Amino acid sequence: MRRSRQFLSLPVVTLEEGKEIGRIRGLVVDPACGEVAALLVQRGSIFPEQKVIPYPRVVSVGSSALTVQKASNAERLASLPQILTLIKENVQLKGSRVITEGGAALGHVVEYLVDPGTGKIEAFEVSGNPAESLWKGKAFLPAEEVRTIGKDVLVVRQGAEKTLTKSDGKLAEGVKNIRETTNRFVNKARRLQSKMQGDEFAEEEPPHDEKPV
C-alpha cells in the first residue's frame, strides 16, 4: 500500500515515447467506490497545463516515477465528464471526522492508504483526541469498516473502533483500555445478576425439613 501523499510530485513517464509529461499534483477520489478515480497531472510552472489520468490507465507506481503507456493517456478535464463531476463534489478525505453508526466519534482522517495496482483505498489513518473521541494517538482503520464516505464525515460500522490498530499491529491503546473497562463492567453486572437470581431461588425454596403438603 502507498500513502496518498507519496503520489504527489511523482513524475509521470510514458513507456512508448519515453518522456515525462508532468508531475502529479492531486488525487481525485470516488467516494461511492472508495477508490482513487484519477490523478491530476501538471506540466510547466510559468504557464502550467493540467491534465487528468484515469487511474485504470496507470501501468505502475514506483518510488521515483509513475508510468503510463503513452502521452494520450493524459487528457483534458473537459473530455472526462465523470471525473469533472467528482472534482466538483470535492470530497477531501483528510480532515474528515470519523463517526460510528451509533454516533460515537473516533477522531479524524489524517491520511489514507491506496493499493497502487488498483487505486482502491485499503485503509485510513485516524487520529484521536480524548477531547472529541474515545481515544488518543494515531491508528489504522480498515476500509471495509467504512459505510459511507461523505464530504465532511466518514460513517463507520458500529464496533469499528475494535479494528483500530497501530503500525505494530496492536490494538490502539485507548480503545483497548475502553474495551477492557467495558468488559469488566459487563462481567461484574452479569455476576451481580446471577447472584440476585440465586438469592431469589433460595427464598422460594422450602426448608429441607418441611414436607410439602
N, C-alpha and C. Protein backbone atom coordinates (compact mmCIF):
# COMPACT_ATOMS: atom_id res chain seq x y z
N MET A 1 0.84 -1.20 0.00
CA MET A 1 0.00 0.00 0.00
C MET A 1 0.87 1.25 0.00
N ARG A 2 0.31 2.32 -0.49
CA ARG A 2 1.05 3.58 -0.59
C ARG A 2 0.19 4.71 -0.02
N ARG A 3 0.82 5.56 0.79
CA ARG A 3 0.11 6.71 1.33
C ARG A 3 -0.22 7.68 0.20
N SER A 4 -1.33 8.37 0.35
CA SER A 4 -1.76 9.28 -0.72
C SER A 4 -0.70 10.34 -1.01
N ARG A 5 -0.04 10.83 0.03
CA ARG A 5 0.94 11.90 -0.17
C ARG A 5 2.16 11.42 -0.94
N GLN A 6 2.38 10.10 -1.00
CA GLN A 6 3.54 9.58 -1.72
C GLN A 6 3.33 9.63 -3.24
N PHE A 7 2.10 9.87 -3.67
CA PHE A 7 1.86 10.05 -5.10
C PHE A 7 2.26 11.45 -5.56
N LEU A 8 2.09 12.42 -4.67
CA LEU A 8 2.28 13.81 -5.04
C LEU A 8 3.71 14.11 -5.48
N SER A 9 3.82 14.86 -6.55
CA SER A 9 5.10 15.31 -7.14
C SER A 9 5.82 14.21 -7.92
N LEU A 10 5.27 12.99 -7.97
CA LEU A 10 5.90 11.95 -8.79
C LEU A 10 5.84 12.35 -10.26
N PRO A 11 6.95 12.22 -11.01
CA PRO A 11 6.89 12.49 -12.45
C PRO A 11 6.13 11.37 -13.16
N VAL A 12 5.41 11.73 -14.20
CA VAL A 12 4.68 10.75 -15.00
C VAL A 12 5.46 10.51 -16.28
N VAL A 13 5.84 9.26 -16.51
CA VAL A 13 6.68 8.89 -17.65
C VAL A 13 5.91 7.96 -18.57
N THR A 14 6.01 8.20 -19.88
CA THR A 14 5.35 7.34 -20.87
C THR A 14 6.28 6.23 -21.31
N LEU A 15 5.73 5.04 -21.49
CA LEU A 15 6.54 3.90 -21.89
C LEU A 15 6.81 3.88 -23.39
N GLU A 16 5.86 4.35 -24.19
CA GLU A 16 6.03 4.31 -25.64
C GLU A 16 6.93 5.45 -26.15
N GLU A 17 6.74 6.68 -25.63
CA GLU A 17 7.55 7.80 -26.09
C GLU A 17 8.80 8.01 -25.25
N GLY A 18 8.78 7.48 -24.03
CA GLY A 18 9.93 7.66 -23.15
C GLY A 18 10.13 9.11 -22.74
N LYS A 19 9.05 9.80 -22.36
CA LYS A 19 9.19 11.19 -21.95
C LYS A 19 8.35 11.48 -20.71
N GLU A 20 8.73 12.53 -20.04
CA GLU A 20 7.97 12.95 -18.86
C GLU A 20 6.90 13.94 -19.30
N ILE A 21 5.65 13.66 -18.93
CA ILE A 21 4.54 14.51 -19.37
C ILE A 21 4.00 15.40 -18.25
N GLY A 22 4.62 15.35 -17.09
CA GLY A 22 4.19 16.20 -15.99
C GLY A 22 4.41 15.53 -14.65
N ARG A 23 3.91 16.18 -13.63
CA ARG A 23 4.02 15.65 -12.26
C ARG A 23 2.64 15.63 -11.61
N ILE A 24 2.46 14.66 -10.71
CA ILE A 24 1.16 14.51 -10.06
C ILE A 24 0.96 15.63 -9.05
N ARG A 25 -0.18 16.29 -9.17
CA ARG A 25 -0.50 17.40 -8.28
C ARG A 25 -1.71 17.13 -7.39
N GLY A 26 -2.43 16.05 -7.66
CA GLY A 26 -3.59 15.77 -6.83
C GLY A 26 -4.23 14.43 -7.16
N LEU A 27 -5.04 13.92 -6.22
CA LEU A 27 -5.76 12.67 -6.41
C LEU A 27 -7.26 12.97 -6.38
N VAL A 28 -7.99 12.34 -7.28
CA VAL A 28 -9.44 12.50 -7.33
C VAL A 28 -10.09 11.24 -6.77
N VAL A 29 -10.85 11.39 -5.70
CA VAL A 29 -11.44 10.25 -5.01
C VAL A 29 -12.89 10.05 -5.44
N ASP A 30 -13.26 8.80 -5.69
CA ASP A 30 -14.65 8.43 -5.95
C ASP A 30 -15.20 7.88 -4.64
N PRO A 31 -16.01 8.64 -3.91
CA PRO A 31 -16.48 8.19 -2.60
C PRO A 31 -17.42 6.99 -2.66
N ALA A 32 -18.15 6.85 -3.76
CA ALA A 32 -19.10 5.73 -3.88
C ALA A 32 -18.37 4.40 -4.01
N CYS A 33 -17.21 4.41 -4.67
CA CYS A 33 -16.44 3.18 -4.88
C CYS A 33 -15.32 3.01 -3.87
N GLY A 34 -14.99 4.09 -3.15
CA GLY A 34 -13.89 4.02 -2.20
C GLY A 34 -12.55 3.81 -2.87
N GLU A 35 -12.31 4.58 -3.92
CA GLU A 35 -11.06 4.42 -4.67
C GLU A 35 -10.61 5.73 -5.28
N VAL A 36 -9.34 5.75 -5.71
CA VAL A 36 -8.82 6.90 -6.44
C VAL A 36 -9.25 6.73 -7.90
N ALA A 37 -10.05 7.65 -8.39
CA ALA A 37 -10.58 7.53 -9.74
C ALA A 37 -9.62 8.09 -10.79
N ALA A 38 -8.83 9.09 -10.40
CA ALA A 38 -7.94 9.73 -11.37
C ALA A 38 -6.83 10.49 -10.67
N LEU A 39 -5.85 10.87 -11.46
CA LEU A 39 -4.72 11.66 -10.97
C LEU A 39 -4.66 12.96 -11.75
N LEU A 40 -4.43 14.06 -11.05
CA LEU A 40 -4.27 15.36 -11.70
C LEU A 40 -2.79 15.56 -11.99
N VAL A 41 -2.49 15.84 -13.25
CA VAL A 41 -1.09 15.98 -13.68
C VAL A 41 -0.86 17.39 -14.21
N GLN A 42 0.21 18.01 -13.78
CA GLN A 42 0.52 19.37 -14.21
C GLN A 42 1.89 19.41 -14.86
N ARG A 43 1.97 20.16 -15.96
CA ARG A 43 3.25 20.32 -16.65
C ARG A 43 3.55 21.80 -16.79
N GLY A 44 4.77 22.17 -16.42
CA GLY A 44 5.17 23.57 -16.51
C GLY A 44 4.79 24.34 -15.26
N SER A 45 5.49 25.43 -15.04
CA SER A 45 5.23 26.25 -13.85
C SER A 45 4.84 27.68 -14.21
N ILE A 46 5.39 28.20 -15.30
CA ILE A 46 5.07 29.57 -15.70
C ILE A 46 3.69 29.62 -16.34
N PHE A 47 3.46 28.74 -17.33
CA PHE A 47 2.14 28.58 -17.94
C PHE A 47 1.72 27.13 -17.78
N PRO A 48 1.31 26.77 -16.55
CA PRO A 48 1.04 25.35 -16.28
C PRO A 48 -0.15 24.81 -17.07
N GLU A 49 0.02 23.57 -17.53
CA GLU A 49 -1.05 22.87 -18.23
C GLU A 49 -1.45 21.67 -17.37
N GLN A 50 -2.73 21.58 -17.07
CA GLN A 50 -3.19 20.49 -16.21
C GLN A 50 -4.01 19.49 -17.02
N LYS A 51 -3.71 18.22 -16.80
CA LYS A 51 -4.45 17.15 -17.45
C LYS A 51 -4.82 16.09 -16.40
N VAL A 52 -5.59 15.12 -16.85
CA VAL A 52 -6.10 14.09 -15.94
C VAL A 52 -5.78 12.71 -16.50
N ILE A 53 -5.35 11.82 -15.61
CA ILE A 53 -5.12 10.42 -15.98
C ILE A 53 -6.10 9.55 -15.20
N PRO A 54 -7.10 8.96 -15.85
CA PRO A 54 -7.96 8.00 -15.15
C PRO A 54 -7.10 6.88 -14.58
N TYR A 55 -7.36 6.48 -13.33
CA TYR A 55 -6.45 5.55 -12.67
C TYR A 55 -6.28 4.21 -13.41
N PRO A 56 -7.30 3.66 -14.07
CA PRO A 56 -7.09 2.40 -14.80
C PRO A 56 -6.02 2.47 -15.88
N ARG A 57 -5.63 3.68 -16.28
CA ARG A 57 -4.59 3.84 -17.31
C ARG A 57 -3.18 3.82 -16.72
N VAL A 58 -3.06 3.81 -15.41
CA VAL A 58 -1.74 3.75 -14.77
C VAL A 58 -1.16 2.35 -14.94
N VAL A 59 0.07 2.28 -15.41
CA VAL A 59 0.74 0.99 -15.58
C VAL A 59 1.40 0.56 -14.28
N SER A 60 2.16 1.47 -13.68
CA SER A 60 2.82 1.14 -12.42
C SER A 60 3.16 2.40 -11.65
N VAL A 61 3.33 2.21 -10.33
CA VAL A 61 3.69 3.32 -9.45
C VAL A 61 4.98 2.92 -8.73
N GLY A 62 6.06 3.58 -9.08
CA GLY A 62 7.35 3.27 -8.47
C GLY A 62 7.74 4.31 -7.44
N SER A 63 8.92 4.14 -6.89
CA SER A 63 9.40 5.09 -5.87
C SER A 63 9.85 6.41 -6.49
N SER A 64 10.21 6.38 -7.80
CA SER A 64 10.74 7.58 -8.45
C SER A 64 9.87 8.12 -9.56
N ALA A 65 8.92 7.31 -10.04
CA ALA A 65 8.07 7.75 -11.14
C ALA A 65 6.83 6.89 -11.24
N LEU A 66 5.81 7.46 -11.91
CA LEU A 66 4.59 6.71 -12.25
C LEU A 66 4.58 6.57 -13.76
N THR A 67 4.21 5.40 -14.26
CA THR A 67 4.26 5.18 -15.71
C THR A 67 2.88 4.94 -16.30
N VAL A 68 2.72 5.42 -17.55
CA VAL A 68 1.55 5.14 -18.37
C VAL A 68 2.05 4.70 -19.73
N GLN A 69 1.18 4.14 -20.55
CA GLN A 69 1.62 3.63 -21.85
C GLN A 69 2.05 4.75 -22.79
N LYS A 70 1.22 5.79 -22.92
CA LYS A 70 1.53 6.86 -23.88
C LYS A 70 0.98 8.19 -23.40
N ALA A 71 1.43 9.24 -24.04
CA ALA A 71 1.08 10.60 -23.62
C ALA A 71 -0.42 10.86 -23.72
N SER A 72 -1.08 10.23 -24.67
CA SER A 72 -2.51 10.46 -24.86
C SER A 72 -3.36 9.89 -23.73
N ASN A 73 -2.74 9.12 -22.82
CA ASN A 73 -3.46 8.62 -21.65
C ASN A 73 -3.84 9.75 -20.69
N ALA A 74 -3.15 10.86 -20.82
CA ALA A 74 -3.48 12.05 -20.03
C ALA A 74 -4.34 12.96 -20.90
N GLU A 75 -5.54 13.26 -20.43
CA GLU A 75 -6.49 14.05 -21.22
C GLU A 75 -6.87 15.34 -20.51
N ARG A 76 -7.48 16.22 -21.27
CA ARG A 76 -8.02 17.44 -20.68
C ARG A 76 -9.26 17.10 -19.88
N LEU A 77 -9.46 17.84 -18.81
CA LEU A 77 -10.56 17.55 -17.91
C LEU A 77 -11.92 17.63 -18.61
N ALA A 78 -12.05 18.53 -19.57
CA ALA A 78 -13.32 18.72 -20.25
C ALA A 78 -13.77 17.47 -21.01
N SER A 79 -12.85 16.61 -21.37
CA SER A 79 -13.20 15.40 -22.12
C SER A 79 -13.53 14.23 -21.20
N LEU A 80 -13.48 14.45 -19.88
CA LEU A 80 -13.77 13.39 -18.91
C LEU A 80 -14.85 13.88 -17.94
N PRO A 81 -16.11 13.90 -18.38
CA PRO A 81 -17.18 14.47 -17.55
C PRO A 81 -17.38 13.78 -16.21
N GLN A 82 -17.17 12.47 -16.15
CA GLN A 82 -17.35 11.77 -14.87
C GLN A 82 -16.32 12.23 -13.84
N ILE A 83 -15.08 12.42 -14.29
CA ILE A 83 -14.02 12.90 -13.40
C ILE A 83 -14.30 14.35 -13.00
N LEU A 84 -14.80 15.13 -13.96
CA LEU A 84 -15.13 16.53 -13.67
C LEU A 84 -16.19 16.62 -12.57
N THR A 85 -17.17 15.71 -12.62
CA THR A 85 -18.22 15.69 -11.59
C THR A 85 -17.63 15.40 -10.22
N LEU A 86 -16.70 14.45 -10.16
CA LEU A 86 -16.07 14.11 -8.88
C LEU A 86 -15.26 15.28 -8.33
N ILE A 87 -14.60 16.00 -9.22
CA ILE A 87 -13.81 17.15 -8.78
C ILE A 87 -14.73 18.23 -8.22
N LYS A 88 -15.88 18.41 -8.84
CA LYS A 88 -16.83 19.40 -8.35
C LYS A 88 -17.41 19.00 -6.99
N GLU A 89 -17.56 17.68 -6.77
CA GLU A 89 -18.04 17.21 -5.45
C GLU A 89 -17.03 17.54 -4.37
N ASN A 90 -15.73 17.55 -4.76
CA ASN A 90 -14.65 17.99 -3.87
C ASN A 90 -14.63 17.24 -2.54
N VAL A 91 -14.63 15.92 -2.61
CA VAL A 91 -14.53 15.11 -1.40
C VAL A 91 -13.06 15.05 -0.96
N GLN A 92 -12.77 15.68 0.16
CA GLN A 92 -11.42 15.70 0.71
C GLN A 92 -11.38 14.78 1.93
N LEU A 93 -10.75 13.64 1.80
CA LEU A 93 -10.75 12.67 2.89
C LEU A 93 -9.99 13.17 4.12
N LYS A 94 -8.88 13.82 3.89
CA LYS A 94 -8.07 14.28 5.02
C LYS A 94 -8.81 15.39 5.77
N GLY A 95 -8.91 15.20 7.05
CA GLY A 95 -9.63 16.16 7.88
C GLY A 95 -11.06 15.75 8.16
N SER A 96 -11.56 14.72 7.45
CA SER A 96 -12.93 14.27 7.67
C SER A 96 -13.07 13.66 9.06
N ARG A 97 -14.19 13.94 9.71
CA ARG A 97 -14.46 13.32 11.00
C ARG A 97 -14.88 11.86 10.80
N VAL A 98 -14.55 11.02 11.77
CA VAL A 98 -14.92 9.61 11.71
C VAL A 98 -15.94 9.34 12.80
N ILE A 99 -17.15 8.97 12.39
CA ILE A 99 -18.27 8.77 13.31
C ILE A 99 -18.85 7.38 13.11
N THR A 100 -19.14 6.67 14.20
CA THR A 100 -19.75 5.35 14.09
C THR A 100 -21.24 5.48 13.81
N GLU A 101 -21.86 4.37 13.40
CA GLU A 101 -23.30 4.36 13.16
C GLU A 101 -24.08 4.76 14.42
N GLY A 102 -23.49 4.48 15.57
CA GLY A 102 -24.15 4.82 16.83
C GLY A 102 -23.92 6.25 17.27
N GLY A 103 -23.13 7.00 16.50
CA GLY A 103 -22.90 8.40 16.82
C GLY A 103 -21.67 8.69 17.65
N ALA A 104 -20.80 7.68 17.87
CA ALA A 104 -19.57 7.90 18.65
C ALA A 104 -18.47 8.44 17.73
N ALA A 105 -17.69 9.40 18.23
CA ALA A 105 -16.61 10.00 17.46
C ALA A 105 -15.32 9.20 17.65
N LEU A 106 -14.68 8.84 16.54
CA LEU A 106 -13.41 8.11 16.62
C LEU A 106 -12.22 8.97 16.27
N GLY A 107 -12.45 10.24 15.90
CA GLY A 107 -11.34 11.11 15.55
C GLY A 107 -11.51 11.68 14.15
N HIS A 108 -10.39 11.91 13.46
CA HIS A 108 -10.47 12.43 12.10
C HIS A 108 -9.37 11.82 11.23
N VAL A 109 -9.57 11.83 9.94
CA VAL A 109 -8.65 11.22 8.98
C VAL A 109 -7.46 12.13 8.75
N VAL A 110 -6.25 11.59 8.89
CA VAL A 110 -5.05 12.36 8.61
C VAL A 110 -4.34 11.85 7.35
N GLU A 111 -4.70 10.64 6.93
CA GLU A 111 -4.07 10.06 5.74
C GLU A 111 -4.88 8.85 5.29
N TYR A 112 -4.72 8.44 4.04
CA TYR A 112 -5.35 7.20 3.58
C TYR A 112 -4.36 6.44 2.71
N LEU A 113 -4.49 5.12 2.73
CA LEU A 113 -3.56 4.25 2.04
C LEU A 113 -4.22 3.61 0.83
N VAL A 114 -3.49 3.61 -0.29
CA VAL A 114 -4.03 3.18 -1.57
C VAL A 114 -3.26 1.97 -2.10
N ASP A 115 -4.00 1.03 -2.69
CA ASP A 115 -3.38 -0.07 -3.42
C ASP A 115 -2.91 0.50 -4.75
N PRO A 116 -1.60 0.61 -4.99
CA PRO A 116 -1.12 1.25 -6.22
C PRO A 116 -1.51 0.50 -7.49
N GLY A 117 -1.81 -0.78 -7.37
CA GLY A 117 -2.18 -1.56 -8.55
C GLY A 117 -3.59 -1.32 -9.02
N THR A 118 -4.49 -0.98 -8.09
CA THR A 118 -5.90 -0.83 -8.43
C THR A 118 -6.47 0.56 -8.14
N GLY A 119 -5.81 1.31 -7.27
CA GLY A 119 -6.34 2.60 -6.85
C GLY A 119 -7.33 2.49 -5.71
N LYS A 120 -7.59 1.27 -5.26
CA LYS A 120 -8.54 1.05 -4.17
C LYS A 120 -7.97 1.56 -2.86
N ILE A 121 -8.81 2.26 -2.09
CA ILE A 121 -8.39 2.72 -0.76
C ILE A 121 -8.52 1.55 0.20
N GLU A 122 -7.41 1.17 0.83
CA GLU A 122 -7.38 -0.01 1.68
C GLU A 122 -7.53 0.31 3.16
N ALA A 123 -7.10 1.49 3.57
CA ALA A 123 -7.16 1.84 5.00
C ALA A 123 -7.08 3.34 5.18
N PHE A 124 -7.52 3.78 6.36
CA PHE A 124 -7.46 5.19 6.72
C PHE A 124 -6.62 5.33 7.98
N GLU A 125 -5.77 6.33 8.01
CA GLU A 125 -5.03 6.62 9.24
C GLU A 125 -5.85 7.66 10.01
N VAL A 126 -6.22 7.29 11.22
CA VAL A 126 -7.12 8.11 12.02
C VAL A 126 -6.39 8.63 13.26
N SER A 127 -6.61 9.90 13.56
CA SER A 127 -6.05 10.50 14.76
C SER A 127 -7.17 10.76 15.74
N GLY A 128 -6.97 10.32 16.98
CA GLY A 128 -7.98 10.50 18.01
C GLY A 128 -7.51 11.46 19.08
N ASN A 129 -8.44 12.18 19.65
CA ASN A 129 -8.16 13.13 20.72
C ASN A 129 -9.20 12.93 21.82
N PRO A 130 -8.78 12.69 23.06
CA PRO A 130 -9.74 12.44 24.15
C PRO A 130 -10.81 13.51 24.30
N ALA A 131 -10.52 14.73 23.85
CA ALA A 131 -11.49 15.81 23.99
C ALA A 131 -12.67 15.64 23.03
N GLU A 132 -12.45 14.87 21.95
CA GLU A 132 -13.51 14.76 20.96
C GLU A 132 -13.78 13.33 20.51
N SER A 133 -13.07 12.36 21.06
CA SER A 133 -13.26 10.97 20.64
C SER A 133 -12.97 10.02 21.80
N LEU A 134 -12.98 8.71 21.50
CA LEU A 134 -12.84 7.70 22.54
C LEU A 134 -11.39 7.42 22.96
N TRP A 135 -10.43 7.94 22.24
CA TRP A 135 -9.03 7.55 22.48
C TRP A 135 -8.11 8.65 21.98
N LYS A 136 -6.81 8.45 22.11
CA LYS A 136 -5.84 9.41 21.61
C LYS A 136 -4.73 8.68 20.86
N GLY A 137 -4.04 9.44 19.99
CA GLY A 137 -2.97 8.86 19.20
C GLY A 137 -3.41 8.64 17.76
N LYS A 138 -2.66 7.81 17.01
CA LYS A 138 -2.97 7.51 15.62
C LYS A 138 -3.05 6.00 15.42
N ALA A 139 -3.95 5.59 14.56
CA ALA A 139 -4.12 4.16 14.29
C ALA A 139 -4.73 4.00 12.90
N PHE A 140 -4.68 2.77 12.39
CA PHE A 140 -5.21 2.49 11.07
C PHE A 140 -6.58 1.82 11.17
N LEU A 141 -7.49 2.26 10.30
CA LEU A 141 -8.83 1.72 10.23
C LEU A 141 -9.02 1.06 8.88
N PRO A 142 -9.34 -0.25 8.81
CA PRO A 142 -9.55 -0.93 7.53
C PRO A 142 -10.70 -0.28 6.76
N ALA A 143 -10.54 -0.16 5.46
CA ALA A 143 -11.55 0.50 4.63
C ALA A 143 -12.88 -0.25 4.65
N GLU A 144 -12.85 -1.56 4.87
CA GLU A 144 -14.10 -2.32 4.87
C GLU A 144 -15.01 -1.95 6.03
N GLU A 145 -14.46 -1.23 7.02
CA GLU A 145 -15.29 -0.80 8.15
C GLU A 145 -16.07 0.47 7.84
N VAL A 146 -15.76 1.10 6.70
CA VAL A 146 -16.41 2.35 6.34
C VAL A 146 -17.72 2.07 5.61
N ARG A 147 -18.77 2.66 6.11
CA ARG A 147 -20.09 2.50 5.48
C ARG A 147 -20.34 3.59 4.45
N THR A 148 -19.99 4.83 4.78
CA THR A 148 -20.25 5.95 3.88
C THR A 148 -19.09 6.93 3.91
N ILE A 149 -18.64 7.34 2.73
CA ILE A 149 -17.65 8.40 2.62
C ILE A 149 -18.39 9.66 2.19
N GLY A 150 -18.52 10.61 3.09
CA GLY A 150 -19.20 11.85 2.78
C GLY A 150 -18.21 12.98 2.57
N LYS A 151 -18.74 14.16 2.31
CA LYS A 151 -17.87 15.30 2.07
C LYS A 151 -17.16 15.74 3.34
N ASP A 152 -17.82 15.58 4.48
CA ASP A 152 -17.24 16.03 5.75
C ASP A 152 -17.01 14.90 6.75
N VAL A 153 -17.72 13.78 6.57
CA VAL A 153 -17.72 12.73 7.58
C VAL A 153 -17.56 11.35 6.95
N LEU A 154 -16.78 10.49 7.62
CA LEU A 154 -16.74 9.06 7.31
C LEU A 154 -17.62 8.36 8.33
N VAL A 155 -18.65 7.70 7.86
CA VAL A 155 -19.51 6.93 8.76
C VAL A 155 -19.01 5.50 8.75
N VAL A 156 -18.66 4.98 9.93
CA VAL A 156 -18.12 3.62 10.02
C VAL A 156 -19.08 2.73 10.78
N ARG A 157 -18.94 1.45 10.60
CA ARG A 157 -19.85 0.49 11.20
C ARG A 157 -19.71 0.48 12.73
N GLN A 158 -20.79 0.13 13.38
CA GLN A 158 -20.78 0.03 14.84
C GLN A 158 -19.75 -1.01 15.27
N GLY A 159 -18.89 -0.67 16.21
CA GLY A 159 -17.85 -1.59 16.65
C GLY A 159 -16.56 -1.47 15.86
N ALA A 160 -16.50 -0.53 14.91
CA ALA A 160 -15.29 -0.35 14.09
C ALA A 160 -14.08 0.03 14.94
N GLU A 161 -14.33 0.64 16.12
CA GLU A 161 -13.21 1.02 16.98
C GLU A 161 -12.39 -0.19 17.42
N LYS A 162 -12.99 -1.38 17.38
CA LYS A 162 -12.27 -2.59 17.78
C LYS A 162 -11.22 -2.99 16.76
N THR A 163 -11.30 -2.42 15.55
CA THR A 163 -10.35 -2.79 14.50
C THR A 163 -9.22 -1.77 14.35
N LEU A 164 -9.26 -0.69 15.13
CA LEU A 164 -8.20 0.31 15.06
C LEU A 164 -6.88 -0.29 15.52
N THR A 165 -5.87 -0.27 14.67
CA THR A 165 -4.57 -0.84 15.03
C THR A 165 -3.44 0.14 14.73
N LYS A 166 -2.44 0.12 15.59
CA LYS A 166 -1.25 0.91 15.34
C LYS A 166 -0.40 0.21 14.30
N SER A 167 0.68 0.84 13.88
CA SER A 167 1.53 0.28 12.83
C SER A 167 2.16 -1.03 13.22
N ASP A 168 2.27 -1.30 14.55
CA ASP A 168 2.86 -2.55 15.00
C ASP A 168 1.83 -3.67 15.09
N GLY A 169 0.61 -3.36 14.65
CA GLY A 169 -0.43 -4.39 14.62
C GLY A 169 -1.22 -4.53 15.90
N LYS A 170 -0.88 -3.75 16.93
CA LYS A 170 -1.57 -3.85 18.21
C LYS A 170 -2.81 -2.97 18.20
N LEU A 171 -3.77 -3.36 19.00
CA LEU A 171 -4.97 -2.56 19.14
C LEU A 171 -4.61 -1.22 19.74
N ALA A 172 -5.18 -0.15 19.21
CA ALA A 172 -4.91 1.19 19.74
C ALA A 172 -5.13 1.20 21.25
N GLU A 173 -4.16 1.73 21.99
CA GLU A 173 -4.15 1.60 23.45
C GLU A 173 -5.41 2.17 24.10
N GLY A 174 -5.84 3.35 23.65
CA GLY A 174 -7.03 3.95 24.24
C GLY A 174 -8.26 3.09 24.05
N VAL A 175 -8.41 2.54 22.84
CA VAL A 175 -9.55 1.67 22.56
C VAL A 175 -9.44 0.38 23.35
N LYS A 176 -8.22 -0.12 23.50
CA LYS A 176 -8.00 -1.34 24.27
C LYS A 176 -8.46 -1.14 25.71
N ASN A 177 -8.09 0.00 26.29
CA ASN A 177 -8.48 0.28 27.67
C ASN A 177 -9.99 0.39 27.80
N ILE A 178 -10.62 1.03 26.79
CA ILE A 178 -12.07 1.15 26.81
C ILE A 178 -12.72 -0.22 26.75
N ARG A 179 -12.21 -1.09 25.88
CA ARG A 179 -12.76 -2.44 25.77
C ARG A 179 -12.62 -3.21 27.07
N GLU A 180 -11.42 -3.09 27.70
CA GLU A 180 -11.18 -3.83 28.94
C GLU A 180 -12.11 -3.32 30.05
N THR A 181 -12.26 -1.99 30.12
CA THR A 181 -13.14 -1.41 31.14
C THR A 181 -14.58 -1.86 30.91
N THR A 182 -15.01 -1.83 29.66
CA THR A 182 -16.38 -2.25 29.32
C THR A 182 -16.58 -3.71 29.66
N ASN A 183 -15.60 -4.55 29.32
CA ASN A 183 -15.72 -5.98 29.61
C ASN A 183 -15.81 -6.24 31.11
N ARG A 184 -15.00 -5.50 31.89
CA ARG A 184 -15.04 -5.67 33.34
C ARG A 184 -16.41 -5.27 33.89
N PHE A 185 -16.95 -4.16 33.36
CA PHE A 185 -18.27 -3.71 33.81
C PHE A 185 -19.35 -4.72 33.47
N VAL A 186 -19.30 -5.25 32.23
CA VAL A 186 -20.29 -6.23 31.80
C VAL A 186 -20.19 -7.50 32.64
N ASN A 187 -18.98 -7.98 32.88
CA ASN A 187 -18.80 -9.20 33.68
C ASN A 187 -19.28 -8.99 35.11
N LYS A 188 -18.99 -7.82 35.67
CA LYS A 188 -19.44 -7.52 37.03
C LYS A 188 -20.96 -7.51 37.10
N ALA A 189 -21.59 -6.90 36.09
CA ALA A 189 -23.05 -6.83 36.04
C ALA A 189 -23.65 -8.23 35.92
N ARG A 190 -23.01 -9.08 35.14
CA ARG A 190 -23.51 -10.44 34.97
C ARG A 190 -23.40 -11.23 36.27
N ARG A 191 -22.28 -11.06 36.99
CA ARG A 191 -22.10 -11.76 38.26
C ARG A 191 -23.14 -11.31 39.28
N LEU A 192 -23.38 -9.98 39.30
CA LEU A 192 -24.36 -9.44 40.22
C LEU A 192 -25.76 -9.96 39.90
N GLN A 193 -26.07 -10.03 38.60
CA GLN A 193 -27.38 -10.51 38.19
C GLN A 193 -27.55 -11.98 38.57
N SER A 194 -26.50 -12.77 38.36
CA SER A 194 -26.55 -14.20 38.71
C SER A 194 -26.74 -14.39 40.20
N LYS A 195 -26.07 -13.56 41.01
CA LYS A 195 -26.18 -13.67 42.46
C LYS A 195 -27.59 -13.32 42.93
N MET A 196 -28.17 -12.26 42.33
CA MET A 196 -29.51 -11.86 42.69
C MET A 196 -30.53 -12.93 42.34
N GLN A 197 -30.35 -13.55 41.18
CA GLN A 197 -31.25 -14.62 40.77
C GLN A 197 -31.12 -15.82 41.70
N GLY A 198 -29.89 -16.08 42.14
CA GLY A 198 -29.65 -17.20 43.07
C GLY A 198 -30.33 -16.96 44.40
N ASP A 199 -30.29 -15.69 44.89
CA ASP A 199 -30.95 -15.36 46.15
C ASP A 199 -32.46 -15.52 46.04
N GLU A 200 -33.02 -15.17 44.90
CA GLU A 200 -34.46 -15.30 44.71
C GLU A 200 -34.88 -16.76 44.76
N PHE A 201 -34.10 -17.60 44.10
CA PHE A 201 -34.41 -19.03 44.10
C PHE A 201 -34.30 -19.60 45.50
N ALA A 202 -33.32 -19.10 46.27
CA ALA A 202 -33.12 -19.61 47.63
C ALA A 202 -34.30 -19.26 48.51
N GLU A 203 -34.89 -18.06 48.31
CA GLU A 203 -36.03 -17.65 49.10
C GLU A 203 -37.27 -18.47 48.77
N GLU A 204 -37.42 -18.84 47.50
CA GLU A 204 -38.59 -19.59 47.08
C GLU A 204 -38.52 -21.06 47.49
N GLU A 205 -37.32 -21.57 47.70
CA GLU A 205 -37.15 -22.99 48.00
C GLU A 205 -37.58 -23.28 49.44
N PRO A 206 -38.45 -24.23 49.70
CA PRO A 206 -38.90 -24.53 51.06
C PRO A 206 -37.80 -25.17 51.88
N PRO A 207 -37.89 -25.05 53.21
CA PRO A 207 -36.87 -25.67 54.10
C PRO A 207 -36.81 -27.17 53.87
N HIS A 208 -35.60 -27.75 54.04
CA HIS A 208 -35.40 -29.17 53.77
C HIS A 208 -36.19 -30.06 54.75
N ASP A 209 -36.45 -29.59 56.02
CA ASP A 209 -37.14 -30.43 56.99
C ASP A 209 -38.64 -30.26 56.95
N GLU A 210 -39.10 -29.43 56.01
CA GLU A 210 -40.54 -29.21 55.90
C GLU A 210 -41.06 -30.02 54.72
N LYS A 211 -42.03 -30.87 54.98
CA LYS A 211 -42.56 -31.71 53.92
C LYS A 211 -43.67 -30.98 53.18
N PRO A 212 -43.62 -31.06 51.88
CA PRO A 212 -44.68 -30.40 51.11
C PRO A 212 -46.02 -31.08 51.36
N VAL A 213 -47.10 -30.32 51.37
CA VAL A 213 -48.44 -30.87 51.61
C VAL A 213 -48.97 -31.50 50.33
